[in-house]
């Protein structure tokens, strides 16, 4: 395949997957974020990078947000939301975060591909991105042109962008207010 055909195939993979994301789940996560005193964002590997970008955008909206494992991250408490992005939903360090947060009364939310995972089971709010339907023909699905877990990660980033758009509208934050919060020590 040449580059234009590869772009078309990637866009088809993304579209096919994102069309299966339940809008009600996205809406529920939006409300969970809005209801939280503070939002704690977690993820590992490439999913973690997408979640860090999402944390930055939440900060641009004016929300109180922290990235788990950063040295300035405070302790979680009741009223907070721990939001985990994880395709597998079974990363050991993330499971420890869930155990700690749950024990302190912190709400758990996740964006995941694995509905059978321990993180999904612990989550009060969940958004399912069915990326494995298109990985190596799993579940009778078509093969994705994207390698390894890239389909989930790209879809995770786009679901996070969708949430930012929805939150921006709900909070009535304009672009200039977001820009005013952008880093200026660059």
C-alpha atoms as a PDB file:
ATOM      1  CA  UNK A   1       0.000   0.000   0.000  1.00  0.00           C
ATOM      2  CA  UNK A   2       1.154   3.509  -0.775  1.00  0.00           C
ATOM      3  CA  UNK A   3       0.922   6.379   1.710  1.00  0.00           C
ATOM      4  CA  UNK A   4      -2.495   7.725   0.584  1.00  0.00           C
ATOM      5  CA  UNK A   5      -4.028   4.241   0.826  1.00  0.00           C
ATOM      6  CA  UNK A   6      -2.447   3.731   4.240  1.00  0.00           C
ATOM      7  CA  UNK A   7      -3.956   7.004   5.465  1.00  0.00           C
ATOM      8  CA  UNK A   8      -7.342   5.867   4.166  1.00  0.00           C
ATOM      9  CA  UNK A   9      -6.942   2.508   5.924  1.00  0.00           C
ATOM     10  CA  UNK A  10      -5.940   4.188   9.219  1.00  0.00           C
ATOM     11  CA  UNK A  11      -8.901   6.555   9.049  1.00  0.00           C
ATOM     12  CA  UNK A  12     -11.205   3.616   8.293  1.00  0.00           C
ATOM     13  CA  UNK A  13      -9.862   1.736  11.340  1.00  0.00           C
ATOM     14  CA  UNK A  14     -10.398   4.770  13.563  1.00  0.00           C
ATOM     15  CA  UNK A  15     -13.873   5.442  12.207  1.00  0.00           C
ATOM     16  CA  UNK A  16     -14.991   1.816  12.483  1.00  0.00           C
ATOM     17  CA  UNK A  17     -13.841   1.679  16.107  1.00  0.00           C
ATOM     18  CA  UNK A  18     -15.057   5.085  17.274  1.00  0.00           C
ATOM     19  CA  UNK A  19     -18.528   4.497  15.839  1.00  0.00           C
ATOM     20  CA  UNK A  20     -18.876   1.682  18.365  1.00  0.00           C
ATOM     21  CA  UNK A  21     -18.098   3.871  21.402  1.00  0.00           C
ATOM     22  CA  UNK A  22     -21.263   4.338  23.461  1.00  0.00           C
ATOM     23  CA  UNK A  23     -22.207   8.029  23.627  1.00  0.00           C
ATOM     24  CA  UNK A  24     -23.948   7.475  26.975  1.00  0.00           C
ATOM     25  CA  UNK A  25     -20.662   6.207  28.436  1.00  0.00           C
ATOM     26  CA  UNK A  26     -18.821   9.319  27.214  1.00  0.00           C
ATOM     27  CA  UNK A  27     -21.547  11.515  28.692  1.00  0.00           C
ATOM     28  CA  UNK A  28     -21.349   9.683  32.025  1.00  0.00           C
ATOM     29  CA  UNK A  29     -17.574  10.223  32.131  1.00  0.00           C
ATOM     30  CA  UNK A  30     -18.065  13.908  31.353  1.00  0.00           C
ATOM     31  CA  UNK A  31     -20.422  14.216  34.328  1.00  0.00           C
ATOM     32  CA  UNK A  32     -18.064  12.260  36.584  1.00  0.00           C
ATOM     33  CA  UNK A  33     -15.242  14.677  35.705  1.00  0.00           C
ATOM     34  CA  UNK A  34     -17.462  17.689  36.350  1.00  0.00           C
ATOM     35  CA  UNK A  35     -18.654  16.270  39.685  1.00  0.00           C
ATOM     36  CA  UNK A  36     -15.166  15.518  41.001  1.00  0.00           C
ATOM     37  CA  UNK A  37     -13.353  17.805  43.415  1.00  0.00           C
ATOM     38  CA  UNK A  38     -10.087  16.909  41.674  1.00  0.00           C
ATOM     39  CA  UNK A  39      -9.242  14.604  38.767  1.00  0.00           C
ATOM     40  CA  UNK A  40      -6.268  12.255  38.971  1.00  0.00           C
ATOM     41  CA  UNK A  41      -5.120  10.896  35.617  1.00  0.00           C
ATOM     42  CA  UNK A  42      -3.255   7.599  35.239  1.00  0.00           C
ATOM     43  CA  UNK A  43      -2.023   5.384  32.447  1.00  0.00           C
ATOM     44  CA  UNK A  44       1.164   3.586  31.459  1.00  0.00           C
ATOM     45  CA  UNK A  45       3.138   3.400  28.254  1.00  0.00           C
ATOM     46  CA  UNK A  46       1.615   4.918  25.148  1.00  0.00           C
ATOM     47  CA  UNK A  47      -1.847   5.083  26.732  1.00  0.00           C
ATOM     48  CA  UNK A  48      -0.241   6.987  29.586  1.00  0.00           C
ATOM     49  CA  UNK A  49       1.109   9.540  27.126  1.00  0.00           C
ATOM     50  CA  UNK A  50      -2.398  10.086  25.741  1.00  0.00           C
ATOM     51  CA  UNK A  51      -3.727  10.497  29.278  1.00  0.00           C
ATOM     52  CA  UNK A  52      -1.039  13.056  30.137  1.00  0.00           C
ATOM     53  CA  UNK A  53      -2.109  15.117  27.107  1.00  0.00           C
ATOM     54  CA  UNK A  54      -5.704  14.855  28.338  1.00  0.00           C
ATOM     55  CA  UNK A  55      -4.637  16.055  31.800  1.00  0.00           C
ATOM     56  CA  UNK A  56      -3.024  19.101  30.197  1.00  0.00           C
ATOM     57  CA  UNK A  57      -6.232  19.950  28.357  1.00  0.00           C
ATOM     58  CA  UNK A  58      -8.297  19.532  31.548  1.00  0.00           C
ATOM     59  CA  UNK A  59      -5.947  22.031  33.197  1.00  0.00           C
ATOM     60  CA  UNK A  60      -6.451  24.390  30.243  1.00  0.00           C
ATOM     61  CA  UNK A  61     -10.179  24.204  31.006  1.00  0.00           C
ATOM     62  CA  UNK A  62      -9.474  25.326  34.567  1.00  0.00           C
ATOM     63  CA  UNK A  63     -10.101  22.005  36.308  1.00  0.00           C
ATOM     64  CA  UNK A  64      -7.943  20.806  39.179  1.00  0.00           C
ATOM     65  CA  UNK A  65      -6.082  17.869  37.687  1.00  0.00           C
ATOM     66  CA  UNK A  66      -3.028  15.828  38.646  1.00  0.00           C
ATOM     67  CA  UNK A  67      -1.067  13.131  36.835  1.00  0.00           C
ATOM     68  CA  UNK A  68      -0.438  10.106  39.026  1.00  0.00           C
ATOM     69  CA  UNK A  69       3.275   9.419  39.595  1.00  0.00           C
ATOM     70  CA  UNK A  70       4.335  13.056  39.093  1.00  0.00           C
ATOM     71  CA  UNK A  71       6.361  14.284  42.059  1.00  0.00           C
ATOM     72  CA  UNK A  72       3.903  17.106  42.790  1.00  0.00           C
ATOM     73  CA  UNK A  73       0.806  14.890  42.831  1.00  0.00           C
ATOM     74  CA  UNK A  74      -1.001  15.117  46.194  1.00  0.00           C
ATOM     75  CA  UNK A  75      -2.854  12.302  47.931  1.00  0.00           C
ATOM     76  CA  UNK A  76      -6.307  11.298  46.685  1.00  0.00           C
ATOM     77  CA  UNK A  77      -9.397  11.554  48.841  1.00  0.00           C
ATOM     78  CA  UNK A  78     -13.123  11.052  48.849  1.00  0.00           C
ATOM     79  CA  UNK A  79     -14.716  13.335  46.271  1.00  0.00           C
ATOM     80  CA  UNK A  80     -11.833  12.891  43.830  1.00  0.00           C
ATOM     81  CA  UNK A  81     -11.882  10.909  40.587  1.00  0.00           C
ATOM     82  CA  UNK A  82      -9.110   8.550  39.495  1.00  0.00           C
ATOM     83  CA  UNK A  83      -9.373   8.237  35.705  1.00  0.00           C
ATOM     84  CA  UNK A  84      -7.306   5.471  34.142  1.00  0.00           C
ATOM     85  CA  UNK A  85      -6.661   4.953  30.440  1.00  0.00           C
ATOM     86  CA  UNK A  86      -5.658   1.329  29.866  1.00  0.00           C
ATOM     87  CA  UNK A  87      -6.283  -0.961  26.931  1.00  0.00           C
ATOM     88  CA  UNK A  88      -5.707  -4.147  28.931  1.00  0.00           C
ATOM     89  CA  UNK A  89      -7.133  -2.888  32.215  1.00  0.00           C
ATOM     90  CA  UNK A  90      -4.746  -5.143  34.086  1.00  0.00           C
ATOM     91  CA  UNK A  91      -1.461  -3.243  34.441  1.00  0.00           C
ATOM     92  CA  UNK A  92      -0.162  -4.124  37.918  1.00  0.00           C
ATOM     93  CA  UNK A  93       0.815  -0.608  39.002  1.00  0.00           C
ATOM     94  CA  UNK A  94      -2.548   0.771  37.876  1.00  0.00           C
ATOM     95  CA  UNK A  95      -4.327  -1.951  39.835  1.00  0.00           C
ATOM     96  CA  UNK A  96      -2.410  -0.840  42.949  1.00  0.00           C
ATOM     97  CA  UNK A  97      -3.584   2.730  42.313  1.00  0.00           C
ATOM     98  CA  UNK A  98      -7.170   1.458  42.092  1.00  0.00           C
ATOM     99  CA  UNK A  99      -6.833  -0.438  45.382  1.00  0.00           C
ATOM    100  CA  UNK A 100      -5.409   2.584  47.184  1.00  0.00           C
ATOM    101  CA  UNK A 101      -7.930   5.040  45.761  1.00  0.00           C
ATOM    102  CA  UNK A 102     -10.901   2.755  46.378  1.00  0.00           C
ATOM    103  CA  UNK A 103      -9.844   2.308  49.993  1.00  0.00           C
ATOM    104  CA  UNK A 104      -9.894   6.082  50.416  1.00  0.00           C
ATOM    105  CA  UNK A 105     -13.331   6.545  48.883  1.00  0.00           C
ATOM    106  CA  UNK A 106     -12.079   7.934  45.574  1.00  0.00           C
ATOM    107  CA  UNK A 107     -14.287   7.250  42.546  1.00  0.00           C
ATOM    108  CA  UNK A 108     -12.743   5.173  39.767  1.00  0.00           C
ATOM    109  CA  UNK A 109     -13.295   5.713  36.037  1.00  0.00           C
ATOM    110  CA  UNK A 110     -11.607   4.081  33.091  1.00  0.00           C
ATOM    111  CA  UNK A 111     -11.345   4.202  29.348  1.00  0.00           C
ATOM    112  CA  UNK A 112     -10.463   0.661  28.319  1.00  0.00           C
ATOM    113  CA  UNK A 113     -10.720  -2.034  25.698  1.00  0.00           C
ATOM    114  CA  UNK A 114     -11.087  -4.872  28.216  1.00  0.00           C
ATOM    115  CA  UNK A 115     -14.508  -5.098  29.846  1.00  0.00           C
ATOM    116  CA  UNK A 116     -13.416  -8.229  31.727  1.00  0.00           C
ATOM    117  CA  UNK A 117     -10.476  -6.547  33.486  1.00  0.00           C
ATOM    118  CA  UNK A 118     -10.078  -5.805  37.184  1.00  0.00           C
ATOM    119  CA  UNK A 119      -9.891  -2.070  36.484  1.00  0.00           C
ATOM    120  CA  UNK A 120     -13.147  -2.199  34.509  1.00  0.00           C
ATOM    121  CA  UNK A 121     -14.782  -4.112  37.356  1.00  0.00           C
ATOM    122  CA  UNK A 122     -13.676  -1.466  39.874  1.00  0.00           C
ATOM    123  CA  UNK A 123     -14.785   1.480  37.759  1.00  0.00           C
ATOM    124  CA  UNK A 124     -17.986   3.286  38.584  1.00  0.00           C
ATOM    125  CA  UNK A 125     -17.739   5.003  35.189  1.00  0.00           C
ATOM    126  CA  UNK A 126     -16.396   3.282  32.078  1.00  0.00           C
ATOM    127  CA  UNK A 127     -15.909   4.103  28.413  1.00  0.00           C
ATOM    128  CA  UNK A 128     -15.298   1.075  26.233  1.00  0.00           C
ATOM    129  CA  UNK A 129     -13.169   1.467  23.105  1.00  0.00           C
ATOM    130  CA  UNK A 130     -13.566  -1.864  21.248  1.00  0.00           C
ATOM    131  CA  UNK A 131     -10.179  -1.780  19.516  1.00  0.00           C
ATOM    132  CA  UNK A 132      -9.474  -5.514  19.830  1.00  0.00           C
ATOM    133  CA  UNK A 133     -12.370  -6.166  17.466  1.00  0.00           C
ATOM    134  CA  UNK A 134      -9.986  -5.071  14.727  1.00  0.00           C
ATOM    135  CA  UNK A 135      -6.713  -6.525  15.990  1.00  0.00           C
ATOM    136  CA  UNK A 136      -5.526  -9.519  13.976  1.00  0.00           C
ATOM    137  CA  UNK A 137      -9.103 -10.386  13.075  1.00  0.00           C
ATOM    138  CA  UNK A 138     -10.100 -10.942  16.707  1.00  0.00           C
ATOM    139  CA  UNK A 139     -13.756 -11.713  17.389  1.00  0.00           C
ATOM    140  CA  UNK A 140     -14.357 -12.114  13.675  1.00  0.00           C
ATOM    141  CA  UNK A 141     -13.412  -8.487  13.078  1.00  0.00           C
ATOM    142  CA  UNK A 142     -11.261  -7.115  10.315  1.00  0.00           C
ATOM    143  CA  UNK A 143      -7.529  -6.657  10.666  1.00  0.00           C
ATOM    144  CA  UNK A 144      -6.347  -3.168  11.535  1.00  0.00           C
ATOM    145  CA  UNK A 145      -3.509  -1.717   9.500  1.00  0.00           C
ATOM    146  CA  UNK A 146      -2.194  -0.140  12.727  1.00  0.00           C
ATOM    147  CA  UNK A 147       0.447  -2.055  14.666  1.00  0.00           C
ATOM    148  CA  UNK A 148       0.347  -3.381  18.212  1.00  0.00           C
ATOM    149  CA  UNK A 149      -1.962  -1.281  20.407  1.00  0.00           C
ATOM    150  CA  UNK A 150      -1.945   1.801  18.229  1.00  0.00           C
ATOM    151  CA  UNK A 151      -5.629   1.577  17.344  1.00  0.00           C
ATOM    152  CA  UNK A 152      -6.636   1.824  21.011  1.00  0.00           C
ATOM    153  CA  UNK A 153      -4.174   4.641  21.703  1.00  0.00           C
ATOM    154  CA  UNK A 154      -5.298   6.772  18.759  1.00  0.00           C
ATOM    155  CA  UNK A 155      -8.938   6.211  19.657  1.00  0.00           C
ATOM    156  CA  UNK A 156      -8.178   7.022  23.304  1.00  0.00           C
ATOM    157  CA  UNK A 157      -6.701  10.360  22.235  1.00  0.00           C
ATOM    158  CA  UNK A 158      -9.750  11.134  20.100  1.00  0.00           C
ATOM    159  CA  UNK A 159     -12.207  10.152  22.854  1.00  0.00           C
ATOM    160  CA  UNK A 160     -10.267  12.445  25.199  1.00  0.00           C
ATOM    161  CA  UNK A 161     -10.487  15.243  22.611  1.00  0.00           C
ATOM    162  CA  UNK A 162     -14.240  14.634  22.356  1.00  0.00           C
ATOM    163  CA  UNK A 163     -14.494  14.946  26.136  1.00  0.00           C
ATOM    164  CA  UNK A 164     -12.562  18.222  26.061  1.00  0.00           C
ATOM    165  CA  UNK A 165     -14.958  19.636  23.454  1.00  0.00           C
ATOM    166  CA  UNK A 166     -17.960  18.570  25.544  1.00  0.00           C
ATOM    167  CA  UNK A 167     -16.443  19.874  28.796  1.00  0.00           C
ATOM    168  CA  UNK A 168     -15.477  23.177  27.149  1.00  0.00           C
ATOM    169  CA  UNK A 169     -19.110  23.677  26.150  1.00  0.00           C
ATOM    170  CA  UNK A 170     -20.494  22.573  29.523  1.00  0.00           C
ATOM    171  CA  UNK A 171     -18.134  24.860  31.441  1.00  0.00           C
ATOM    172  CA  UNK A 172     -18.595  27.689  28.905  1.00  0.00           C
ATOM    173  CA  UNK A 173     -14.839  28.199  28.670  1.00  0.00           C
ATOM    174  CA  UNK A 174     -13.639  30.161  25.681  1.00  0.00           C
ATOM    175  CA  UNK A 175     -10.441  29.613  23.761  1.00  0.00           C
ATOM    176  CA  UNK A 176      -8.774  32.732  25.175  1.00  0.00           C
ATOM    177  CA  UNK A 177      -9.222  31.463  28.749  1.00  0.00           C
ATOM    178  CA  UNK A 178      -7.686  28.144  27.746  1.00  0.00           C
ATOM    179  CA  UNK A 179      -4.771  29.909  26.049  1.00  0.00           C
ATOM    180  CA  UNK A 180      -4.192  32.022  29.171  1.00  0.00           C
ATOM    181  CA  UNK A 181      -3.563  28.785  31.101  1.00  0.00           C
ATOM    182  CA  UNK A 182      -1.138  27.432  28.517  1.00  0.00           C
ATOM    183  CA  UNK A 183       2.451  26.944  29.674  1.00  0.00           C
ATOM    184  CA  UNK A 184       4.597  30.022  29.237  1.00  0.00           C
ATOM    185  CA  UNK A 185       7.864  28.499  30.494  1.00  0.00           C
ATOM    186  CA  UNK A 186       8.753  26.833  27.213  1.00  0.00           C
END
